[in-house]
């Protein structure tokens, strides 16, 4: 699952070095946590969340084929706030 998500996200973002994917398996459940560069968050989410919804749908199709459950979480990257 991690390789599919990495392929999809790498094709979308401009800063490929900032991609971090954490995969945790708990029985038949797989939890993927995706972190990208703050500038690329809008590209991953898409207009009205359409892009992230489509990514989740693709992962769900593969999860059904592998007889597992998938959960994709999108982490908000830590940014330094200057006042």
C-alpha atoms as a PDB file:
ATOM      1  CA  UNK A   1       0.000   0.000   0.000  1.00  0.00           C
ATOM      2  CA  UNK A   2       2.799   2.360   0.890  1.00  0.00           C
ATOM      3  CA  UNK A   3       4.349   2.011  -2.569  1.00  0.00           C
ATOM      4  CA  UNK A   4       1.066   2.845  -4.328  1.00  0.00           C
ATOM      5  CA  UNK A   5       0.523   5.921  -2.168  1.00  0.00           C
ATOM      6  CA  UNK A   6       4.122   7.028  -2.724  1.00  0.00           C
ATOM      7  CA  UNK A   7       3.715   6.686  -6.500  1.00  0.00           C
ATOM      8  CA  UNK A   8       0.496   8.726  -6.555  1.00  0.00           C
ATOM      9  CA  UNK A   9       1.738  11.492  -4.245  1.00  0.00           C
ATOM     10  CA  UNK A  10       5.140  11.757  -5.966  1.00  0.00           C
ATOM     11  CA  UNK A  11       3.336  12.394  -9.247  1.00  0.00           C
ATOM     12  CA  UNK A  12       1.333  15.267  -7.731  1.00  0.00           C
ATOM     13  CA  UNK A  13       3.699  17.299  -5.551  1.00  0.00           C
ATOM     14  CA  UNK A  14       6.565  19.576  -6.499  1.00  0.00           C
ATOM     15  CA  UNK A  15       8.766  18.940  -3.429  1.00  0.00           C
ATOM     16  CA  UNK A  16       9.259  15.176  -3.573  1.00  0.00           C
ATOM     17  CA  UNK A  17      11.873  15.170  -0.784  1.00  0.00           C
ATOM     18  CA  UNK A  18       9.333  16.324   1.809  1.00  0.00           C
ATOM     19  CA  UNK A  19       7.057  13.281   1.394  1.00  0.00           C
ATOM     20  CA  UNK A  20       6.883  11.081   4.479  1.00  0.00           C
ATOM     21  CA  UNK A  21       4.635   8.024   4.654  1.00  0.00           C
ATOM     22  CA  UNK A  22       4.225   6.021   7.849  1.00  0.00           C
ATOM     23  CA  UNK A  23       2.558   2.611   7.609  1.00  0.00           C
ATOM     24  CA  UNK A  24       1.202   0.736  10.618  1.00  0.00           C
ATOM     25  CA  UNK A  25      -0.458  -2.673  10.403  1.00  0.00           C
ATOM     26  CA  UNK A  26      -2.903  -3.768  13.090  1.00  0.00           C
ATOM     27  CA  UNK A  27      -4.305  -7.160  12.151  1.00  0.00           C
ATOM     28  CA  UNK A  28      -6.210  -6.681   8.901  1.00  0.00           C
ATOM     29  CA  UNK A  29      -6.189  -2.876   9.265  1.00  0.00           C
ATOM     30  CA  UNK A  30      -3.504  -0.736   7.641  1.00  0.00           C
ATOM     31  CA  UNK A  31      -3.085   2.865   8.776  1.00  0.00           C
ATOM     32  CA  UNK A  32      -1.162   5.145   6.422  1.00  0.00           C
ATOM     33  CA  UNK A  33      -0.087   8.587   7.602  1.00  0.00           C
ATOM     34  CA  UNK A  34       0.976  11.021   4.874  1.00  0.00           C
ATOM     35  CA  UNK A  35       2.985  14.186   5.473  1.00  0.00           C
ATOM     36  CA  UNK A  36       3.920  16.555   2.643  1.00  0.00           C
ATOM     37  CA  UNK A  37       5.430  20.016   2.278  1.00  0.00           C
ATOM     38  CA  UNK A  38       3.053  22.802   3.412  1.00  0.00           C
ATOM     39  CA  UNK A  39       3.144  24.308  -0.085  1.00  0.00           C
ATOM     40  CA  UNK A  40       1.870  21.010  -1.555  1.00  0.00           C
ATOM     41  CA  UNK A  41      -1.022  20.480   0.874  1.00  0.00           C
ATOM     42  CA  UNK A  42      -3.470  22.206  -1.463  1.00  0.00           C
ATOM     43  CA  UNK A  43      -2.466  19.934  -4.331  1.00  0.00           C
ATOM     44  CA  UNK A  44      -3.014  16.811  -2.252  1.00  0.00           C
ATOM     45  CA  UNK A  45      -6.365  17.936  -0.838  1.00  0.00           C
ATOM     46  CA  UNK A  46      -7.668  19.379  -4.101  1.00  0.00           C
ATOM     47  CA  UNK A  47     -10.723  21.503  -4.692  1.00  0.00           C
ATOM     48  CA  UNK A  48     -13.401  20.545  -2.148  1.00  0.00           C
ATOM     49  CA  UNK A  49     -11.241  17.558  -1.150  1.00  0.00           C
ATOM     50  CA  UNK A  50     -11.655  15.805  -4.487  1.00  0.00           C
ATOM     51  CA  UNK A  51      -8.019  14.749  -4.871  1.00  0.00           C
ATOM     52  CA  UNK A  52      -7.592  13.220  -1.406  1.00  0.00           C
ATOM     53  CA  UNK A  53     -10.968  11.494  -1.840  1.00  0.00           C
ATOM     54  CA  UNK A  54      -9.793   9.984  -5.138  1.00  0.00           C
ATOM     55  CA  UNK A  55      -6.521   8.814  -3.549  1.00  0.00           C
ATOM     56  CA  UNK A  56      -8.467   7.158  -0.736  1.00  0.00           C
ATOM     57  CA  UNK A  57     -10.747   5.473  -3.279  1.00  0.00           C
ATOM     58  CA  UNK A  58      -7.756   4.030  -5.175  1.00  0.00           C
ATOM     59  CA  UNK A  59      -6.264   2.724  -1.942  1.00  0.00           C
ATOM     60  CA  UNK A  60      -9.625   1.199  -0.988  1.00  0.00           C
ATOM     61  CA  UNK A  61      -9.817  -0.679  -4.293  1.00  0.00           C
ATOM     62  CA  UNK A  62      -6.390  -2.192  -3.715  1.00  0.00           C
ATOM     63  CA  UNK A  63      -7.253  -2.952  -0.079  1.00  0.00           C
ATOM     64  CA  UNK A  64     -10.349  -4.878  -1.161  1.00  0.00           C
ATOM     65  CA  UNK A  65      -8.204  -6.912  -3.563  1.00  0.00           C
ATOM     66  CA  UNK A  66      -5.796  -7.726  -0.704  1.00  0.00           C
ATOM     67  CA  UNK A  67      -8.647  -8.367   1.778  1.00  0.00           C
ATOM     68  CA  UNK A  68      -7.560  -5.664   4.238  1.00  0.00           C
ATOM     69  CA  UNK A  69      -8.968  -2.373   5.511  1.00  0.00           C
ATOM     70  CA  UNK A  70      -7.152   0.880   4.813  1.00  0.00           C
ATOM     71  CA  UNK A  71      -7.179   4.230   6.582  1.00  0.00           C
ATOM     72  CA  UNK A  72      -5.313   7.227   5.121  1.00  0.00           C
ATOM     73  CA  UNK A  73      -4.596  10.154   7.406  1.00  0.00           C
ATOM     74  CA  UNK A  74      -3.150  13.407   6.115  1.00  0.00           C
ATOM     75  CA  UNK A  75      -0.868  15.088   8.641  1.00  0.00           C
ATOM     76  CA  UNK A  76      -0.683  18.827   8.759  1.00  0.00           C
ATOM     77  CA  UNK A  77       3.032  19.572   8.503  1.00  0.00           C
ATOM     78  CA  UNK A  78       4.711  21.500  11.272  1.00  0.00           C
ATOM     79  CA  UNK A  79       5.394  25.046  10.156  1.00  0.00           C
ATOM     80  CA  UNK A  80       7.255  27.786  11.914  1.00  0.00           C
ATOM     81  CA  UNK A  81       5.003  30.737  12.621  1.00  0.00           C
ATOM     82  CA  UNK A  82       6.628  34.143  12.705  1.00  0.00           C
ATOM     83  CA  UNK A  83       4.881  37.110  14.178  1.00  0.00           C
END
